[in-house]
Structures are given as C-alpha cells and as structure tokens.
Amino acid sequence: MKEAVKQYPAQDFHVPDSIEFHPIDKENGLLLAEDDSKAYYEVFAPGTAPTRMSGDKQLKARDFFRLDLEDTSKAN
C-alpha cells in the first residue's frame, strides 16, 4: 500500500466531532475502564460502541428468553 500512495503527499485528517473513542478489551471487544492496562482505544461511529463492560457476566443462549421476559414484566 505504501508503494501505491507514495506519490500523494501526507495530509492531516480532521476527525469529525461525532466520532467516539472508547477503551476496548482486545480479548472480547467489550468496554474497559480508561485506566486499565489492557485497554486500547478504538474508534466508533455514533451509537455503535459496545455497551457492556468487559468482565460482565457472559450470557448463555438460554438466558436470552429469560431477559426478554424480565424486560416485558418491567414495562407493565
């Protein structure tokens, strides 16, 4: 790739204000605390970043329906 673009001058790239940077766990792609030594920052479009923290209880497939029922009962 470097060979293909060497004819073009390097340019600064302005990061749009809406872009989000979040600390991510490389092992599972979930959020980490900013001061965690395992964290690396990943870039996300608005609303696309993970919402769960690394280390949260991992749900099993059978838990999916139970959670759905819990959400329904909270709405009533």
PDB file of N, CA and C in Angstrom:
ATOM      1  N   MET A   1       0.832  -1.190   0.000  1.00  0.00           N
ATOM      2  CA  MET A   1       0.000   0.000   0.000  1.00  0.00           C
ATOM      3  C   MET A   1       0.877   1.254   0.000  1.00  0.00           C
ATOM      4  N   LYS A   2       1.969   1.213   0.755  1.00  0.00           N
ATOM      5  CA  LYS A   2       2.846   2.386   0.796  1.00  0.00           C
ATOM      6  C   LYS A   2       3.350   2.739  -0.593  1.00  0.00           C
ATOM      7  N   GLU A   3       3.647   1.730  -1.372  1.00  0.00           N
ATOM      8  CA  GLU A   3       4.133   1.959  -2.739  1.00  0.00           C
ATOM      9  C   GLU A   3       3.053   2.633  -3.582  1.00  0.00           C
ATOM     10  N   ALA A   4       1.810   2.222  -3.401  1.00  0.00           N
ATOM     11  CA  ALA A   4       0.703   2.749  -4.205  1.00  0.00           C
ATOM     12  C   ALA A   4       0.391   4.206  -3.894  1.00  0.00           C
ATOM     13  N   VAL A   5       0.626   4.642  -2.667  1.00  0.00           N
ATOM     14  CA  VAL A   5       0.254   6.005  -2.289  1.00  0.00           C
ATOM     15  C   VAL A   5       1.452   6.935  -2.124  1.00  0.00           C
ATOM     16  N   LYS A   6       2.645   6.468  -2.398  1.00  0.00           N
ATOM     17  CA  LYS A   6       3.828   7.303  -2.175  1.00  0.00           C
ATOM     18  C   LYS A   6       3.822   8.565  -3.032  1.00  0.00           C
ATOM     19  N   GLN A   7       3.097   8.568  -4.121  1.00  0.00           N
ATOM     20  CA  GLN A   7       3.038   9.745  -4.992  1.00  0.00           C
ATOM     21  C   GLN A   7       2.169  10.868  -4.419  1.00  0.00           C
ATOM     22  N   TYR A   8       1.367  10.550  -3.400  1.00  0.00           N
ATOM     23  CA  TYR A   8       0.478  11.537  -2.810  1.00  0.00           C
ATOM     24  C   TYR A   8       1.078  12.100  -1.531  1.00  0.00           C
ATOM     25  N   PRO A   9       0.964  13.413  -1.333  1.00  0.00           N
ATOM     26  CA  PRO A   9       1.513  13.999  -0.104  1.00  0.00           C
ATOM     27  C   PRO A   9       0.678  13.595   1.121  1.00  0.00           C
ATOM     28  N   ALA A  10       1.340  13.477   2.259  1.00  0.00           N
ATOM     29  CA  ALA A  10       0.635  13.168   3.510  1.00  0.00           C
ATOM     30  C   ALA A  10      -0.233  14.359   3.889  1.00  0.00           C
ATOM     31  N   GLN A  11      -1.423  14.074   4.391  1.00  0.00           N
ATOM     32  CA  GLN A  11      -2.342  15.136   4.785  1.00  0.00           C
ATOM     33  C   GLN A  11      -2.900  14.828   6.165  1.00  0.00           C
ATOM     34  N   ASP A  12      -3.168  15.880   6.918  1.00  0.00           N
ATOM     35  CA  ASP A  12      -3.831  15.709   8.202  1.00  0.00           C
ATOM     36  C   ASP A  12      -5.284  15.327   7.950  1.00  0.00           C
ATOM     37  N   PHE A  13      -5.810  14.518   8.841  1.00  0.00           N
ATOM     38  CA  PHE A  13      -7.204  14.097   8.743  1.00  0.00           C
ATOM     39  C   PHE A  13      -7.960  14.678   9.919  1.00  0.00           C
ATOM     40  N   HIS A  14      -8.985  15.440   9.645  1.00  0.00           N
ATOM     41  CA  HIS A  14      -9.822  16.019  10.692  1.00  0.00           C
ATOM     42  C   HIS A  14     -10.846  14.976  11.136  1.00  0.00           C
ATOM     43  N   VAL A  15     -10.805  14.601  12.408  1.00  0.00           N
ATOM     44  CA  VAL A  15     -11.758  13.642  12.951  1.00  0.00           C
ATOM     45  C   VAL A  15     -13.067  14.379  13.234  1.00  0.00           C
ATOM     46  N   PRO A  16     -14.170  13.906  12.661  1.00  0.00           N
ATOM     47  CA  PRO A  16     -15.453  14.561  12.914  1.00  0.00           C
ATOM     48  C   PRO A  16     -15.796  14.553  14.406  1.00  0.00           C
ATOM     49  N   ASP A  17     -16.472  15.589  14.865  1.00  0.00           N
ATOM     50  CA  ASP A  17     -16.829  15.715  16.278  1.00  0.00           C
ATOM     51  C   ASP A  17     -17.710  14.573  16.768  1.00  0.00           C
ATOM     52  N   SER A  18     -18.457  13.946  15.889  1.00  0.00           N
ATOM     53  CA  SER A  18     -19.383  12.892  16.306  1.00  0.00           C
ATOM     54  C   SER A  18     -18.696  11.540  16.538  1.00  0.00           C
ATOM     55  N   ILE A  19     -17.458  11.404  16.115  1.00  0.00           N
ATOM     56  CA  ILE A  19     -16.740  10.139  16.284  1.00  0.00           C
ATOM     57  C   ILE A  19     -16.419   9.925  17.759  1.00  0.00           C
ATOM     58  N   GLU A  20     -16.602   8.674  18.219  1.00  0.00           N
ATOM     59  CA  GLU A  20     -16.382   8.338  19.630  1.00  0.00           C
ATOM     60  C   GLU A  20     -15.145   7.448  19.775  1.00  0.00           C
ATOM     61  N   PHE A  21     -14.366   7.685  20.809  1.00  0.00           N
ATOM     62  CA  PHE A  21     -13.204   6.863  21.134  1.00  0.00           C
ATOM     63  C   PHE A  21     -13.479   6.172  22.470  1.00  0.00           C
ATOM     64  N   HIS A  22     -13.331   4.844  22.511  1.00  0.00           N
ATOM     65  CA  HIS A  22     -13.627   4.088  23.728  1.00  0.00           C
ATOM     66  C   HIS A  22     -12.516   3.081  24.005  1.00  0.00           C
ATOM     67  N   PRO A  23     -12.178   2.864  25.292  1.00  0.00           N
ATOM     68  CA  PRO A  23     -11.193   1.835  25.652  1.00  0.00           C
ATOM     69  C   PRO A  23     -11.825   0.446  25.522  1.00  0.00           C
ATOM     70  N   ILE A  24     -11.140  -0.428  24.803  1.00  0.00           N
ATOM     71  CA  ILE A  24     -11.684  -1.740  24.468  1.00  0.00           C
ATOM     72  C   ILE A  24     -10.751  -2.846  24.949  1.00  0.00           C
ATOM     73  N   ASP A  25     -11.340  -3.966  25.332  1.00  0.00           N
ATOM     74  CA  ASP A  25     -10.602  -5.172  25.695  1.00  0.00           C
ATOM     75  C   ASP A  25     -10.359  -5.962  24.406  1.00  0.00           C
ATOM     76  N   LYS A  26      -9.101  -6.176  24.041  1.00  0.00           N
ATOM     77  CA  LYS A  26      -8.789  -6.896  22.799  1.00  0.00           C
ATOM     78  C   LYS A  26      -9.292  -8.329  22.810  1.00  0.00           C
ATOM     79  N   GLU A  27      -9.435  -8.915  23.984  1.00  0.00           N
ATOM     80  CA  GLU A  27      -9.842 -10.314  24.066  1.00  0.00           C
ATOM     81  C   GLU A  27     -11.299 -10.533  23.706  1.00  0.00           C
ATOM     82  N   ASN A  28     -12.163  -9.568  24.021  1.00  0.00           N
ATOM     83  CA  ASN A  28     -13.584  -9.803  23.770  1.00  0.00           C
ATOM     84  C   ASN A  28     -14.309  -8.642  23.093  1.00  0.00           C
ATOM     85  N   GLY A  29     -13.633  -7.534  22.857  1.00  0.00           N
ATOM     86  CA  GLY A  29     -14.253  -6.413  22.158  1.00  0.00           C
ATOM     87  C   GLY A  29     -15.205  -5.585  22.998  1.00  0.00           C
ATOM     88  N   LEU A  30     -15.196  -5.806  24.324  1.00  0.00           N
ATOM     89  CA  LEU A  30     -16.083  -5.050  25.201  1.00  0.00           C
ATOM     90  C   LEU A  30     -15.343  -3.885  25.843  1.00  0.00           C
ATOM     91  N   LEU A  31     -16.089  -2.999  26.483  1.00  0.00           N
ATOM     92  CA  LEU A  31     -15.514  -1.806  27.103  1.00  0.00           C
ATOM     93  C   LEU A  31     -14.644  -2.145  28.309  1.00  0.00           C
ATOM     94  N   LEU A  32     -13.625  -1.347  28.508  1.00  0.00           N
ATOM     95  CA  LEU A  32     -12.770  -1.417  29.689  1.00  0.00           C
ATOM     96  C   LEU A  32     -12.713  -0.041  30.334  1.00  0.00           C
ATOM     97  N   ALA A  33     -12.261   0.004  31.574  1.00  0.00           N
ATOM     98  CA  ALA A  33     -12.022   1.284  32.231  1.00  0.00           C
ATOM     99  C   ALA A  33     -10.864   1.982  31.524  1.00  0.00           C
ATOM    100  N   GLU A  34     -10.914   3.298  31.486  1.00  0.00           N
ATOM    101  CA  GLU A  34      -9.877   4.059  30.783  1.00  0.00           C
ATOM    102  C   GLU A  34      -8.483   3.832  31.338  1.00  0.00           C
ATOM    103  N   ASP A  35      -8.384   3.538  32.632  1.00  0.00           N
ATOM    104  CA  ASP A  35      -7.066   3.360  33.236  1.00  0.00           C
ATOM    105  C   ASP A  35      -6.615   1.895  33.273  1.00  0.00           C
ATOM    106  N   ASP A  36      -7.359   1.007  32.637  1.00  0.00           N
ATOM    107  CA  ASP A  36      -6.981  -0.410  32.598  1.00  0.00           C
ATOM    108  C   ASP A  36      -5.763  -0.582  31.691  1.00  0.00           C
ATOM    109  N   SER A  37      -4.782  -1.332  32.157  1.00  0.00           N
ATOM    110  CA  SER A  37      -3.543  -1.508  31.386  1.00  0.00           C
ATOM    111  C   SER A  37      -3.757  -2.318  30.111  1.00  0.00           C
ATOM    112  N   LYS A  38      -4.834  -3.094  30.032  1.00  0.00           N
ATOM    113  CA  LYS A  38      -5.123  -3.888  28.835  1.00  0.00           C
ATOM    114  C   LYS A  38      -5.894  -3.095  27.777  1.00  0.00           C
ATOM    115  N   ALA A  39      -6.335  -1.902  28.101  1.00  0.00           N
ATOM    116  CA  ALA A  39      -7.205  -1.142  27.201  1.00  0.00           C
ATOM    117  C   ALA A  39      -6.447  -0.602  25.994  1.00  0.00           C
ATOM    118  N   TYR A  40      -7.099  -0.636  24.875  1.00  0.00           N
ATOM    119  CA  TYR A  40      -6.640   0.101  23.704  1.00  0.00           C
ATOM    120  C   TYR A  40      -7.854   0.847  23.172  1.00  0.00           C
ATOM    121  N   TYR A  41      -7.615   1.983  22.560  1.00  0.00           N
ATOM    122  CA  TYR A  41      -8.729   2.824  22.113  1.00  0.00           C
ATOM    123  C   TYR A  41      -9.118   2.467  20.692  1.00  0.00           C
ATOM    124  N   GLU A  42     -10.414   2.325  20.519  1.00  0.00           N
ATOM    125  CA  GLU A  42     -10.997   2.021  19.228  1.00  0.00           C
ATOM    126  C   GLU A  42     -11.936   3.161  18.866  1.00  0.00           C
ATOM    127  N   VAL A  43     -12.154   3.341  17.577  1.00  0.00           N
ATOM    128  CA  VAL A  43     -12.978   4.435  17.064  1.00  0.00           C
ATOM    129  C   VAL A  43     -14.332   3.881  16.626  1.00  0.00           C
ATOM    130  N   PHE A  44     -15.408   4.603  16.981  1.00  0.00           N
ATOM    131  CA  PHE A  44     -16.756   4.157  16.652  1.00  0.00           C
ATOM    132  C   PHE A  44     -17.585   5.296  16.083  1.00  0.00           C
ATOM    133  N   ALA A  45     -18.457   4.947  15.148  1.00  0.00           N
ATOM    134  CA  ALA A  45     -19.475   5.889  14.698  1.00  0.00           C
ATOM    135  C   ALA A  45     -20.474   6.044  15.838  1.00  0.00           C
ATOM    136  N   PRO A  46     -21.181   7.158  15.896  1.00  0.00           N
ATOM    137  CA  PRO A  46     -22.135   7.370  16.989  1.00  0.00           C
ATOM    138  C   PRO A  46     -23.113   6.208  17.146  1.00  0.00           C
ATOM    139  N   GLY A  47     -23.245   5.743  18.380  1.00  0.00           N
ATOM    140  CA  GLY A  47     -24.202   4.689  18.692  1.00  0.00           C
ATOM    141  C   GLY A  47     -23.760   3.276  18.374  1.00  0.00           C
ATOM    142  N   THR A  48     -22.513   3.080  17.936  1.00  0.00           N
ATOM    143  CA  THR A  48     -22.081   1.736  17.560  1.00  0.00           C
ATOM    144  C   THR A  48     -21.087   1.117  18.540  1.00  0.00           C
ATOM    145  N   ALA A  49     -20.697   1.840  19.562  1.00  0.00           N
ATOM    146  CA  ALA A  49     -19.746   1.313  20.546  1.00  0.00           C
ATOM    147  C   ALA A  49     -20.408   0.250  21.410  1.00  0.00           C
ATOM    148  N   PRO A  50     -19.623  -0.690  21.927  1.00  0.00           N
ATOM    149  CA  PRO A  50     -20.198  -1.678  22.847  1.00  0.00           C
ATOM    150  C   PRO A  50     -20.822  -0.971  24.047  1.00  0.00           C
ATOM    151  N   THR A  51     -21.806  -1.605  24.638  1.00  0.00           N
ATOM    152  CA  THR A  51     -22.454  -1.021  25.809  1.00  0.00           C
ATOM    153  C   THR A  51     -22.152  -1.815  27.077  1.00  0.00           C
ATOM    154  N   ARG A  52     -21.636  -3.020  26.922  1.00  0.00           N
ATOM    155  CA  ARG A  52     -21.303  -3.856  28.082  1.00  0.00           C
ATOM    156  C   ARG A  52     -19.830  -3.711  28.427  1.00  0.00           C
ATOM    157  N   MET A  53     -19.560  -3.834  29.707  1.00  0.00           N
ATOM    158  CA  MET A  53     -18.184  -3.783  30.197  1.00  0.00           C
ATOM    159  C   MET A  53     -17.572  -5.170  30.156  1.00  0.00           C
ATOM    160  N   SER A  54     -16.289  -5.229  29.853  1.00  0.00           N
ATOM    161  CA  SER A  54     -15.564  -6.488  29.919  1.00  0.00           C
ATOM    162  C   SER A  54     -15.588  -6.971  31.360  1.00  0.00           C
ATOM    163  N   GLY A  55     -15.796  -8.244  31.536  1.00  0.00           N
ATOM    164  CA  GLY A  55     -15.887  -8.784  32.881  1.00  0.00           C
ATOM    165  C   GLY A  55     -17.314  -8.942  33.347  1.00  0.00           C
ATOM    166  N   ASP A  56     -18.280  -8.328  32.626  1.00  0.00           N
ATOM    167  CA  ASP A  56     -19.687  -8.551  32.957  1.00  0.00           C
ATOM    168  C   ASP A  56     -20.007 -10.024  32.747  1.00  0.00           C
ATOM    169  N   LYS A  57     -20.989 -10.501  33.445  1.00  0.00           N
ATOM    170  CA  LYS A  57     -21.398 -11.895  33.305  1.00  0.00           C
ATOM    171  C   LYS A  57     -21.744 -12.179  31.843  1.00  0.00           C
ATOM    172  N   GLN A  58     -21.144 -13.210  31.305  1.00  0.00           N
ATOM    173  CA  GLN A  58     -21.429 -13.602  29.930  1.00  0.00           C
ATOM    174  C   GLN A  58     -22.745 -14.381  29.900  1.00  0.00           C
ATOM    175  N   LEU A  59     -23.672 -13.949  29.077  1.00  0.00           N
ATOM    176  CA  LEU A  59     -24.965 -14.603  28.983  1.00  0.00           C
ATOM    177  C   LEU A  59     -24.884 -15.840  28.104  1.00  0.00           C
ATOM    178  N   LYS A  60     -25.631 -16.840  28.470  1.00  0.00           N
ATOM    179  CA  LYS A  60     -25.741 -18.044  27.654  1.00  0.00           C
ATOM    180  C   LYS A  60     -26.992 -17.897  26.798  1.00  0.00           C
ATOM    181  N   ALA A  61     -27.081 -18.672  25.734  1.00  0.00           N
ATOM    182  CA  ALA A  61     -28.213 -18.574  24.815  1.00  0.00           C
ATOM    183  C   ALA A  61     -29.537 -18.753  25.548  1.00  0.00           C
ATOM    184  N   ARG A  62     -29.594 -19.654  26.516  1.00  0.00           N
ATOM    185  CA  ARG A  62     -30.860 -19.897  27.217  1.00  0.00           C
ATOM    186  C   ARG A  62     -31.295 -18.685  28.046  1.00  0.00           C
ATOM    187  N   ASP A  63     -30.343 -17.784  28.381  1.00  0.00           N
ATOM    188  CA  ASP A  63     -30.682 -16.594  29.157  1.00  0.00           C
ATOM    189  C   ASP A  63     -31.417 -15.549  28.324  1.00  0.00           C
ATOM    190  N   PHE A  64     -31.319 -15.656  27.012  1.00  0.00           N
ATOM    191  CA  PHE A  64     -31.905 -14.663  26.123  1.00  0.00           C
ATOM    192  C   PHE A  64     -33.405 -14.507  26.379  1.00  0.00           C
ATOM    193  N   PHE A  65     -34.127 -15.626  26.443  1.00  0.00           N
ATOM    194  CA  PHE A  65     -35.570 -15.564  26.623  1.00  0.00           C
ATOM    195  C   PHE A  65     -35.938 -15.080  28.023  1.00  0.00           C
ATOM    196  N   ARG A  66     -35.155 -15.471  29.014  1.00  0.00           N
ATOM    197  CA  ARG A  66     -35.411 -15.027  30.385  1.00  0.00           C
ATOM    198  C   ARG A  66     -35.278 -13.508  30.466  1.00  0.00           C
ATOM    199  N   LEU A  67     -34.256 -12.950  29.851  1.00  0.00           N
ATOM    200  CA  LEU A  67     -34.066 -11.499  29.864  1.00  0.00           C
ATOM    201  C   LEU A  67     -35.201 -10.793  29.144  1.00  0.00           C
ATOM    202  N   ASP A  68     -35.666 -11.372  28.055  1.00  0.00           N
ATOM    203  CA  ASP A  68     -36.774 -10.786  27.315  1.00  0.00           C
ATOM    204  C   ASP A  68     -38.029 -10.739  28.187  1.00  0.00           C
ATOM    205  N   LEU A  69     -38.281 -11.808  28.928  1.00  0.00           N
ATOM    206  CA  LEU A  69     -39.440 -11.842  29.816  1.00  0.00           C
ATOM    207  C   LEU A  69     -39.291 -10.821  30.950  1.00  0.00           C
ATOM    208  N   GLU A  70     -38.090 -10.665  31.476  1.00  0.00           N
ATOM    209  CA  GLU A  70     -37.856  -9.691  32.541  1.00  0.00           C
ATOM    210  C   GLU A  70     -38.126  -8.284  32.029  1.00  0.00           C
ATOM    211  N   ASP A  71     -37.662  -7.982  30.817  1.00  0.00           N
ATOM    212  CA  ASP A  71     -37.892  -6.648  30.251  1.00  0.00           C
ATOM    213  C   ASP A  71     -39.382  -6.387  30.066  1.00  0.00           C
ATOM    214  N   THR A  72     -40.145  -7.397  29.663  1.00  0.00           N
ATOM    215  CA  THR A  72     -41.576  -7.262  29.450  1.00  0.00           C
ATOM    216  C   THR A  72     -42.283  -7.013  30.772  1.00  0.00           C
ATOM    217  N   SER A  73     -41.872  -7.721  31.824  1.00  0.00           N
ATOM    218  CA  SER A  73     -42.544  -7.552  33.108  1.00  0.00           C
ATOM    219  C   SER A  73     -42.231  -6.187  33.717  1.00  0.00           C
ATOM    220  N   LYS A  74     -41.078  -5.618  33.417  1.00  0.00           N
ATOM    221  CA  LYS A  74     -40.736  -4.282  33.933  1.00  0.00           C
ATOM    222  C   LYS A  74     -41.570  -3.208  33.266  1.00  0.00           C
ATOM    223  N   ALA A  75     -41.958  -3.453  32.013  1.00  0.00           N
ATOM    224  CA  ALA A  75     -42.716  -2.454  31.269  1.00  0.00           C
ATOM    225  C   ALA A  75     -44.156  -2.360  31.771  1.00  0.00           C
ATOM    226  N   ASN A  76     -44.648  -3.423  32.415  1.00  0.00           N
ATOM    227  CA  ASN A  76     -46.052  -3.418  32.881  1.00  0.00           C
ATOM    228  C   ASN A  76     -46.213  -2.782  34.195  1.00  0.00           C
TER     229      ASN A  76
END
